[in-house]
Amino acid sequence: MLFTSEIPIPAMQDVKTPFPFLIFKYFSLKGYKDPFPVTNNYGIVDNGAFEATFGVVKSKKIVMPKHARYFCVVPDAFNEPINMQVVKIRTYVKDRTMFVPHASNITDYGFVVSYFLSYVNQKKPKAKVLLGISYAEPFYSKNWIKAAFQRRSVVKRINDALEKLDTKHQIDIHLLGCKSIFELWLCRKFNRVISADSSLPVLHALAGKKTHLWSKKIKQPAGFITMDVNDKQKHLIQRNINFVNKVLGGPKC
C-alpha cells in the first residue's frame, strides 16, 4: 500500500512522498507545488468534503487533471442524501475519478457502494476508477481501536466483493485518513487497497513527535497548509512518512 501525506507549502519542495495528494482549493496559493508534475505515475487531486471547511464542498465542479495518471475525487459532502450520491455517480464518475460514499449506517453505505460498483461495471466498462473509503463515517466508533477493526471489516467486505465481481480489475481502493496508523496497518494486505493518505505523520512532526504503529490522530491546526516549517521538522516529516510506508509495505522515499 502506498502512503502519502498533505504537506505544508514551505516543506513541499524538500519532503518526498510516494505519490502527490493535492488539494484543489489550494491551487491558487502562492508557492503551492505544481499540481501536475510529470514525474509521478500516480496521484490524487481532491475536491471533496475532507478538504473543505466544515465539510462543505466549495467547488461543485470536478477538476479533471491534465495528465491521465492522476485521479480526481468526485465532489462530496458529509451527510449527503443517498439519492444525491447516486446522481453524482451518474454525473461525475468516469475514467480516472475517485468516488467517496457517505452514510449514517452500514446498510445505506452498502447500497451506495453496490450501486457504484454496478454502475462502473455496466456503464463504464473501460474506466479505471478508485473507491475512497473514509474513517469519518458515523457508524465507526469514537474509540480508535474499535474504529480500526470496524473499518477493516468494511474494507474486507468491499475487497472481497471486488475480487468476485470486478474481474477486469477496474476498481481499486484508496483509504482516506485514519484515526491511527494501526487502522491502516490492518488493511495493508487486501489486494484492492493500493493507497492511503493522512496528515497524521506531518502533524506529529510539527509537534516534535515520531510516528509509531499505535500513533493516534491529533487535531490539525488552522492554517496548516501555510505553516512555517524548520529543517528539524522537515527531517522529522520525512522520517515519519518513510516509517508509515515501511509498516504498510510501501516504498521508502
C-alpha atoms as a PDB file:
ATOM      1  CA  MET A   1       0.000   0.000   0.000  1.00  0.00           C
ATOM      2  CA  LEU A   2       1.339   3.423  -0.968  1.00  0.00           C
ATOM      3  CA  PHE A   3       1.035   6.101   1.714  1.00  0.00           C
ATOM      4  CA  THR A   4       1.232   9.868   1.438  1.00  0.00           C
ATOM      5  CA  SER A   5       0.508  12.993   3.461  1.00  0.00           C
ATOM      6  CA  GLU A   6      -0.680  16.503   2.772  1.00  0.00           C
ATOM      7  CA  ILE A   7       2.465  18.648   3.075  1.00  0.00           C
ATOM      8  CA  PRO A   8       2.636  22.316   4.198  1.00  0.00           C
ATOM      9  CA  ILE A   9       3.763  24.576   1.360  1.00  0.00           C
ATOM     10  CA  PRO A  10       7.113  25.603   2.998  1.00  0.00           C
ATOM     11  CA  ALA A  11       8.133  21.908   3.055  1.00  0.00           C
ATOM     12  CA  MET A  12       6.733  20.715  -0.277  1.00  0.00           C
ATOM     13  CA  GLN A  13       9.991  21.112  -2.189  1.00  0.00           C
ATOM     14  CA  ASP A  14      12.032  19.213   0.414  1.00  0.00           C
ATOM     15  CA  VAL A  15       9.797  16.353   1.539  1.00  0.00           C
ATOM     16  CA  LYS A  16       9.342  13.361  -0.757  1.00  0.00           C
ATOM     17  CA  THR A  17       6.286  11.095  -0.820  1.00  0.00           C
ATOM     18  CA  PRO A  18       5.406   8.010  -2.942  1.00  0.00           C
ATOM     19  CA  PHE A  19       2.698   9.991  -4.721  1.00  0.00           C
ATOM     20  CA  PRO A  20       1.243  13.516  -4.589  1.00  0.00           C
ATOM     21  CA  PHE A  21      -2.067  14.123  -2.825  1.00  0.00           C
ATOM     22  CA  LEU A  22      -3.116  17.572  -3.957  1.00  0.00           C
ATOM     23  CA  ILE A  23      -5.968  19.812  -2.816  1.00  0.00           C
ATOM     24  CA  PHE A  24      -7.921  21.755  -5.428  1.00  0.00           C
ATOM     25  CA  LYS A  25      -8.744  24.688  -3.146  1.00  0.00           C
ATOM     26  CA  TYR A  26      -5.008  25.341  -2.589  1.00  0.00           C
ATOM     27  CA  PHE A  27      -4.063  25.605  -6.270  1.00  0.00           C
ATOM     28  CA  SER A  28      -4.337  29.399  -6.158  1.00  0.00           C
ATOM     29  CA  LEU A  29      -1.982  29.787  -3.177  1.00  0.00           C
ATOM     30  CA  LYS A  30       1.434  31.232  -3.914  1.00  0.00           C
ATOM     31  CA  GLY A  31       4.138  28.621  -3.623  1.00  0.00           C
ATOM     32  CA  TYR A  32       1.806  25.636  -3.869  1.00  0.00           C
ATOM     33  CA  LYS A  33       3.625  22.918  -5.777  1.00  0.00           C
ATOM     34  CA  ASP A  34       2.879  22.475  -9.481  1.00  0.00           C
ATOM     35  CA  PRO A  35      -0.318  20.437  -9.222  1.00  0.00           C
ATOM     36  CA  PHE A  36       0.572  18.189 -12.142  1.00  0.00           C
ATOM     37  CA  PRO A  37       4.266  17.226 -12.051  1.00  0.00           C
ATOM     38  CA  VAL A  38       5.101  14.938 -14.958  1.00  0.00           C
ATOM     39  CA  THR A  39       7.484  12.728 -12.986  1.00  0.00           C
ATOM     40  CA  ASN A  40       4.832  10.909 -10.932  1.00  0.00           C
ATOM     41  CA  ASN A  41       2.930   7.907 -12.261  1.00  0.00           C
ATOM     42  CA  TYR A  42       0.125   8.071  -9.690  1.00  0.00           C
ATOM     43  CA  GLY A  43      -1.567  10.878  -7.812  1.00  0.00           C
ATOM     44  CA  ILE A  44      -4.852  12.203  -6.438  1.00  0.00           C
ATOM     45  CA  VAL A  45      -6.487  15.624  -6.728  1.00  0.00           C
ATOM     46  CA  ASP A  46      -9.098  16.159  -4.028  1.00  0.00           C
ATOM     47  CA  ASN A  47     -12.136  18.451  -4.222  1.00  0.00           C
ATOM     48  CA  GLY A  48     -14.004  16.608  -1.519  1.00  0.00           C
ATOM     49  CA  ALA A  49     -15.559  17.181   1.869  1.00  0.00           C
ATOM     50  CA  PHE A  50     -12.408  16.246   3.783  1.00  0.00           C
ATOM     51  CA  GLU A  51     -10.543  19.205   2.356  1.00  0.00           C
ATOM     52  CA  ALA A  52     -13.345  21.785   2.585  1.00  0.00           C
ATOM     53  CA  THR A  53     -14.187  23.968   5.579  1.00  0.00           C
ATOM     54  CA  PHE A  54     -16.718  22.305   7.879  1.00  0.00           C
ATOM     55  CA  GLY A  55     -17.313  19.557   5.362  1.00  0.00           C
ATOM     56  CA  VAL A  56     -18.934  21.867   2.798  1.00  0.00           C
ATOM     57  CA  VAL A  57     -17.810  21.489  -0.793  1.00  0.00           C
ATOM     58  CA  LYS A  58     -16.721  24.911  -2.040  1.00  0.00           C
ATOM     59  CA  SER A  59     -16.458  23.891  -5.689  1.00  0.00           C
ATOM     60  CA  LYS A  60     -19.297  21.975  -7.310  1.00  0.00           C
ATOM     61  CA  LYS A  61     -17.276  21.302 -10.437  1.00  0.00           C
ATOM     62  CA  ILE A  62     -14.944  18.376 -10.782  1.00  0.00           C
ATOM     63  CA  VAL A  63     -11.385  19.351 -11.622  1.00  0.00           C
ATOM     64  CA  MET A  64     -10.007  16.859 -14.099  1.00  0.00           C
ATOM     65  CA  PRO A  65      -6.218  16.517 -14.220  1.00  0.00           C
ATOM     66  CA  LYS A  66      -4.148  17.406 -17.252  1.00  0.00           C
ATOM     67  CA  HIS A  67      -2.279  14.115 -17.062  1.00  0.00           C
ATOM     68  CA  ALA A  68      -4.186  10.823 -17.203  1.00  0.00           C
ATOM     69  CA  ARG A  69      -2.095   9.357 -14.388  1.00  0.00           C
ATOM     70  CA  TYR A  70      -3.985  11.453 -11.816  1.00  0.00           C
ATOM     71  CA  PHE A  71      -7.292  10.532 -10.178  1.00  0.00           C
ATOM     72  CA  CYS A  72      -9.764  13.276  -9.256  1.00  0.00           C
ATOM     73  CA  VAL A  73     -12.172  12.994  -6.338  1.00  0.00           C
ATOM     74  CA  VAL A  74     -15.837  13.379  -7.230  1.00  0.00           C
ATOM     75  CA  PRO A  75     -17.083  16.372  -5.159  1.00  0.00           C
ATOM     76  CA  ASP A  76     -18.696  15.032  -1.998  1.00  0.00           C
ATOM     77  CA  ALA A  77     -20.227  16.318   1.234  1.00  0.00           C
ATOM     78  CA  PHE A  78     -20.842  14.729   4.611  1.00  0.00           C
ATOM     79  CA  ASN A  79     -24.451  13.679   5.355  1.00  0.00           C
ATOM     80  CA  GLU A  80     -25.291  13.877   1.663  1.00  0.00           C
ATOM     81  CA  PRO A  81     -28.593  12.094   0.865  1.00  0.00           C
ATOM     82  CA  ILE A  82     -28.352   8.724  -0.876  1.00  0.00           C
ATOM     83  CA  ASN A  83     -30.239   9.923  -3.952  1.00  0.00           C
ATOM     84  CA  MET A  84     -27.801  12.819  -4.427  1.00  0.00           C
ATOM     85  CA  GLN A  85     -24.858  10.424  -4.260  1.00  0.00           C
ATOM     86  CA  VAL A  86     -26.479   8.264  -6.922  1.00  0.00           C
ATOM     87  CA  VAL A  87     -26.874  11.343  -9.144  1.00  0.00           C
ATOM     88  CA  LYS A  88     -23.201  12.247  -8.623  1.00  0.00           C
ATOM     89  CA  ILE A  89     -22.151   8.732  -9.588  1.00  0.00           C
ATOM     90  CA  ARG A  90     -24.076   9.070 -12.846  1.00  0.00           C
ATOM     91  CA  THR A  91     -22.835  12.612 -13.469  1.00  0.00           C
ATOM     92  CA  TYR A  92     -19.186  12.581 -12.458  1.00  0.00           C
ATOM     93  CA  VAL A  93     -17.815   9.050 -12.391  1.00  0.00           C
ATOM     94  CA  LYS A  94     -15.623   8.484 -15.420  1.00  0.00           C
ATOM     95  CA  ASP A  95     -12.119   7.273 -16.147  1.00  0.00           C
ATOM     96  CA  ARG A  96      -9.528   8.335 -13.524  1.00  0.00           C
ATOM     97  CA  THR A  97     -12.003   9.512 -10.875  1.00  0.00           C
ATOM     98  CA  MET A  98     -12.470   8.519  -7.233  1.00  0.00           C
ATOM     99  CA  PHE A  99     -15.888   8.250  -5.605  1.00  0.00           C
ATOM    100  CA  VAL A 100     -16.241   8.541  -1.804  1.00  0.00           C
ATOM    101  CA  PRO A 101     -19.550   7.189  -0.415  1.00  0.00           C
ATOM    102  CA  HIS A 102     -21.091   8.544   2.812  1.00  0.00           C
ATOM    103  CA  ALA A 103     -23.880   7.189   5.026  1.00  0.00           C
ATOM    104  CA  SER A 104     -25.215   7.260   8.580  1.00  0.00           C
ATOM    105  CA  ASN A 105     -25.462   3.465   8.794  1.00  0.00           C
ATOM    106  CA  ILE A 106     -23.818   0.414   7.261  1.00  0.00           C
ATOM    107  CA  THR A 107     -26.954  -0.614   5.291  1.00  0.00           C
ATOM    108  CA  ASP A 108     -27.185   2.678   3.379  1.00  0.00           C
ATOM    109  CA  TYR A 109     -23.428   2.649   2.901  1.00  0.00           C
ATOM    110  CA  GLY A 110     -23.614  -0.818   1.380  1.00  0.00           C
ATOM    111  CA  PHE A 111     -26.353   0.310  -1.013  1.00  0.00           C
ATOM    112  CA  VAL A 112     -24.304   3.260  -2.318  1.00  0.00           C
ATOM    113  CA  VAL A 113     -21.190   1.120  -2.743  1.00  0.00           C
ATOM    114  CA  SER A 114     -23.165  -1.593  -4.544  1.00  0.00           C
ATOM    115  CA  TYR A 115     -24.701   0.981  -6.877  1.00  0.00           C
ATOM    116  CA  PHE A 116     -21.262   2.429  -7.637  1.00  0.00           C
ATOM    117  CA  LEU A 117     -19.791  -0.996  -8.428  1.00  0.00           C
ATOM    118  CA  SER A 118     -22.747  -1.876 -10.644  1.00  0.00           C
ATOM    119  CA  TYR A 119     -22.618   1.470 -12.459  1.00  0.00           C
ATOM    120  CA  VAL A 120     -18.913   1.192 -13.258  1.00  0.00           C
ATOM    121  CA  ASN A 121     -19.304  -2.408 -14.399  1.00  0.00           C
ATOM    122  CA  GLN A 122     -22.266  -1.701 -16.694  1.00  0.00           C
ATOM    123  CA  LYS A 123     -21.838   1.906 -17.834  1.00  0.00           C
ATOM    124  CA  LYS A 124     -18.070   2.445 -17.712  1.00  0.00           C
ATOM    125  CA  PRO A 125     -16.574  -0.887 -18.798  1.00  0.00           C
ATOM    126  CA  LYS A 126     -13.245   0.682 -19.818  1.00  0.00           C
ATOM    127  CA  ALA A 127     -12.816   3.159 -16.947  1.00  0.00           C
ATOM    128  CA  LYS A 128     -10.125   2.866 -14.293  1.00  0.00           C
ATOM    129  CA  VAL A 129     -11.531   4.254 -11.030  1.00  0.00           C
ATOM    130  CA  LEU A 130     -10.933   4.412  -7.283  1.00  0.00           C
ATOM    131  CA  LEU A 131     -13.339   3.850  -4.405  1.00  0.00           C
ATOM    132  CA  GLY A 132     -12.425   6.069  -1.464  1.00  0.00           C
ATOM    133  CA  ILE A 133     -13.204   4.664   1.994  1.00  0.00           C
ATOM    134  CA  SER A 134     -13.168   7.240   4.784  1.00  0.00           C
ATOM    135  CA  TYR A 135     -12.605   6.908   8.508  1.00  0.00           C
ATOM    136  CA  ALA A 136     -15.176   9.545   9.494  1.00  0.00           C
ATOM    137  CA  GLU A 137     -18.473   7.765   8.847  1.00  0.00           C
ATOM    138  CA  PRO A 138     -20.942   7.871  11.781  1.00  0.00           C
ATOM    139  CA  PHE A 139     -21.034   4.073  12.066  1.00  0.00           C
ATOM    140  CA  TYR A 140     -17.383   3.940  13.145  1.00  0.00           C
ATOM    141  CA  SER A 141     -16.760   4.002  16.891  1.00  0.00           C
ATOM    142  CA  LYS A 142     -15.184   7.057  18.506  1.00  0.00           C
ATOM    143  CA  ASN A 143     -12.810   4.621  20.214  1.00  0.00           C
ATOM    144  CA  TRP A 144      -9.782   4.447  17.906  1.00  0.00           C
ATOM    145  CA  ILE A 145      -9.135   0.720  18.498  1.00  0.00           C
ATOM    146  CA  LYS A 146     -12.751  -0.321  17.838  1.00  0.00           C
ATOM    147  CA  ALA A 147     -12.873   2.001  14.830  1.00  0.00           C
ATOM    148  CA  ALA A 148      -9.774   0.319  13.382  1.00  0.00           C
ATOM    149  CA  PHE A 149     -11.379  -3.131  13.420  1.00  0.00           C
ATOM    150  CA  GLN A 150     -14.708  -1.781  12.183  1.00  0.00           C
ATOM    151  CA  ARG A 151     -13.016  -0.123   9.235  1.00  0.00           C
ATOM    152  CA  ARG A 152     -11.084  -3.293   8.486  1.00  0.00           C
ATOM    153  CA  SER A 153     -14.373  -5.199   8.406  1.00  0.00           C
ATOM    154  CA  VAL A 154     -15.902  -2.751   5.915  1.00  0.00           C
ATOM    155  CA  VAL A 155     -12.786  -2.746   3.722  1.00  0.00           C
ATOM    156  CA  LYS A 156     -12.660  -6.566   3.748  1.00  0.00           C
ATOM    157  CA  ARG A 157     -16.276  -6.841   2.586  1.00  0.00           C
ATOM    158  CA  ILE A 158     -15.675  -4.422  -0.263  1.00  0.00           C
ATOM    159  CA  ASN A 159     -12.355  -6.031  -1.170  1.00  0.00           C
ATOM    160  CA  ASP A 160     -13.976  -9.492  -1.294  1.00  0.00           C
ATOM    161  CA  ALA A 161     -16.826  -8.161  -3.446  1.00  0.00           C
ATOM    162  CA  LEU A 162     -14.381  -6.578  -5.886  1.00  0.00           C
ATOM    163  CA  GLU A 163     -12.375  -9.788  -6.160  1.00  0.00           C
ATOM    164  CA  LYS A 164     -15.550 -11.638  -7.200  1.00  0.00           C
ATOM    165  CA  LEU A 165     -17.317  -9.017  -9.317  1.00  0.00           C
ATOM    166  CA  ASP A 166     -14.583  -6.836 -10.800  1.00  0.00           C
ATOM    167  CA  THR A 167     -12.742  -9.427 -12.843  1.00  0.00           C
ATOM    168  CA  LYS A 168     -11.234  -6.756 -15.117  1.00  0.00           C
ATOM    169  CA  HIS A 169      -9.621  -5.088 -12.093  1.00  0.00           C
ATOM    170  CA  GLN A 170     -11.058  -1.667 -12.926  1.00  0.00           C
ATOM    171  CA  ILE A 171     -11.692  -0.598  -9.328  1.00  0.00           C
ATOM    172  CA  ASP A 172      -9.098  -0.155  -6.590  1.00  0.00           C
ATOM    173  CA  ILE A 173      -9.469   1.201  -3.046  1.00  0.00           C
ATOM    174  CA  HIS A 174      -7.940   4.333  -1.518  1.00  0.00           C
ATOM    175  CA  LEU A 175      -8.194   4.870   2.250  1.00  0.00           C
ATOM    176  CA  LEU A 176      -8.955   8.481   3.164  1.00  0.00           C
ATOM    177  CA  GLY A 177      -7.462   9.459   6.512  1.00  0.00           C
ATOM    178  CA  CYS A 178      -7.316   7.408   9.708  1.00  0.00           C
ATOM    179  CA  LYS A 179      -7.734   7.611  13.468  1.00  0.00           C
ATOM    180  CA  SER A 180      -4.471   5.701  13.934  1.00  0.00           C
ATOM    181  CA  ILE A 181      -1.693   4.127  11.875  1.00  0.00           C
ATOM    182  CA  PHE A 182      -2.812   0.781  13.302  1.00  0.00           C
ATOM    183  CA  GLU A 183      -6.091   1.266  11.418  1.00  0.00           C
ATOM    184  CA  LEU A 184      -4.281   1.418   8.081  1.00  0.00           C
ATOM    185  CA  TRP A 185      -1.949  -1.424   9.070  1.00  0.00           C
ATOM    186  CA  LEU A 186      -4.938  -3.758   9.491  1.00  0.00           C
ATOM    187  CA  CYS A 187      -5.905  -3.158   5.842  1.00  0.00           C
ATOM    188  CA  ARG A 188      -2.457  -3.355   4.301  1.00  0.00           C
ATOM    189  CA  LYS A 189      -2.742  -6.835   2.744  1.00  0.00           C
ATOM    190  CA  PHE A 190      -6.078  -6.534   0.970  1.00  0.00           C
ATOM    191  CA  ASN A 191      -5.398  -6.864  -2.769  1.00  0.00           C
ATOM    192  CA  ARG A 192      -7.558  -3.918  -3.850  1.00  0.00           C
ATOM    193  CA  VAL A 193      -6.234  -1.446  -1.273  1.00  0.00           C
ATOM    194  CA  ILE A 194      -3.477   0.306  -3.186  1.00  0.00           C
ATOM    195  CA  SER A 195      -3.050   3.635  -1.373  1.00  0.00           C
ATOM    196  CA  ALA A 196      -3.886   5.731   1.670  1.00  0.00           C
ATOM    197  CA  ASP A 197      -3.404   9.290   2.877  1.00  0.00           C
ATOM    198  CA  SER A 198      -3.352  11.021   6.239  1.00  0.00           C
ATOM    199  CA  SER A 199      -1.850  14.206   7.660  1.00  0.00           C
ATOM    200  CA  LEU A 200      -1.087  12.318  10.889  1.00  0.00           C
ATOM    201  CA  PRO A 201       2.702  11.859  10.330  1.00  0.00           C
ATOM    202  CA  VAL A 202       3.112  15.535   9.418  1.00  0.00           C
ATOM    203  CA  LEU A 203       1.101  16.745  12.401  1.00  0.00           C
ATOM    204  CA  HIS A 204       3.228  14.581  14.682  1.00  0.00           C
ATOM    205  CA  ALA A 205       6.408  16.010  13.167  1.00  0.00           C
ATOM    206  CA  LEU A 206       5.220  19.588  13.635  1.00  0.00           C
ATOM    207  CA  ALA A 207       4.620  18.705  17.287  1.00  0.00           C
ATOM    208  CA  GLY A 208       8.139  17.207  17.537  1.00  0.00           C
ATOM    209  CA  LYS A 209       6.908  13.601  17.733  1.00  0.00           C
ATOM    210  CA  LYS A 210       7.919  10.425  15.931  1.00  0.00           C
ATOM    211  CA  THR A 211       5.096   8.414  14.381  1.00  0.00           C
ATOM    212  CA  HIS A 212       4.672   4.805  15.527  1.00  0.00           C
ATOM    213  CA  LEU A 213       2.253   1.974  14.750  1.00  0.00           C
ATOM    214  CA  TRP A 214      -0.020   2.962  17.651  1.00  0.00           C
ATOM    215  CA  SER A 215       0.121   6.699  16.957  1.00  0.00           C
ATOM    216  CA  LYS A 216      -3.290   8.361  17.014  1.00  0.00           C
ATOM    217  CA  LYS A 217      -4.653  11.293  15.049  1.00  0.00           C
ATOM    218  CA  ILE A 218      -4.242  14.759  16.552  1.00  0.00           C
ATOM    219  CA  LYS A 219      -6.099  17.942  15.664  1.00  0.00           C
ATOM    220  CA  GLN A 220      -4.965  19.751  12.538  1.00  0.00           C
ATOM    221  CA  PRO A 221      -4.252  23.413  13.347  1.00  0.00           C
ATOM    222  CA  ALA A 222      -5.812  26.269  11.390  1.00  0.00           C
ATOM    223  CA  GLY A 223      -3.604  27.442   8.534  1.00  0.00           C
ATOM    224  CA  PHE A 224      -1.818  24.080   8.446  1.00  0.00           C
ATOM    225  CA  ILE A 225      -1.006  24.287   4.726  1.00  0.00           C
ATOM    226  CA  THR A 226       0.968  27.550   5.094  1.00  0.00           C
ATOM    227  CA  MET A 227       2.624  26.896   8.480  1.00  0.00           C
ATOM    228  CA  ASP A 228       6.338  27.653   8.767  1.00  0.00           C
ATOM    229  CA  VAL A 229       8.445  24.502   8.929  1.00  0.00           C
ATOM    230  CA  ASN A 230      12.059  24.449  10.124  1.00  0.00           C
ATOM    231  CA  ASP A 231      14.755  22.000   8.979  1.00  0.00           C
ATOM    232  CA  LYS A 232      14.345  19.755  12.020  1.00  0.00           C
ATOM    233  CA  GLN A 233      10.612  19.456  11.390  1.00  0.00           C
ATOM    234  CA  LYS A 234      11.190  18.721   7.704  1.00  0.00           C
ATOM    235  CA  HIS A 235      13.571  15.907   8.635  1.00  0.00           C
ATOM    236  CA  LEU A 236      11.008  14.504  11.071  1.00  0.00           C
ATOM    237  CA  ILE A 237       8.199  14.742   8.483  1.00  0.00           C
ATOM    238  CA  GLN A 238      10.313  12.701   6.067  1.00  0.00           C
ATOM    239  CA  ARG A 239      11.162  10.187   8.784  1.00  0.00           C
ATOM    240  CA  ASN A 240       7.506   9.762   9.751  1.00  0.00           C
ATOM    241  CA  ILE A 241       6.279   9.329   6.173  1.00  0.00           C
ATOM    242  CA  ASN A 242       9.034   6.780   5.490  1.00  0.00           C
ATOM    243  CA  PHE A 243       8.121   4.903   8.668  1.00  0.00           C
ATOM    244  CA  VAL A 244       4.437   4.644   7.734  1.00  0.00           C
ATOM    245  CA  ASN A 245       5.303   3.434   4.224  1.00  0.00           C
ATOM    246  CA  LYS A 246       7.604   0.834   5.738  1.00  0.00           C
ATOM    247  CA  VAL A 247       4.973  -0.662   8.042  1.00  0.00           C
ATOM    248  CA  LEU A 248       2.347  -0.570   5.271  1.00  0.00           C
ATOM    249  CA  GLY A 249       4.635  -2.175   2.688  1.00  0.00           C
ATOM    250  CA  GLY A 250       5.142   0.921   0.557  1.00  0.00           C
ATOM    251  CA  PRO A 251       8.447   2.367  -0.709  1.00  0.00           C
ATOM    252  CA  LYS A 252      10.854   4.498   1.293  1.00  0.00           C
ATOM    253  CA  CYS A 253      11.314   7.983  -0.137  1.00  0.00           C
END
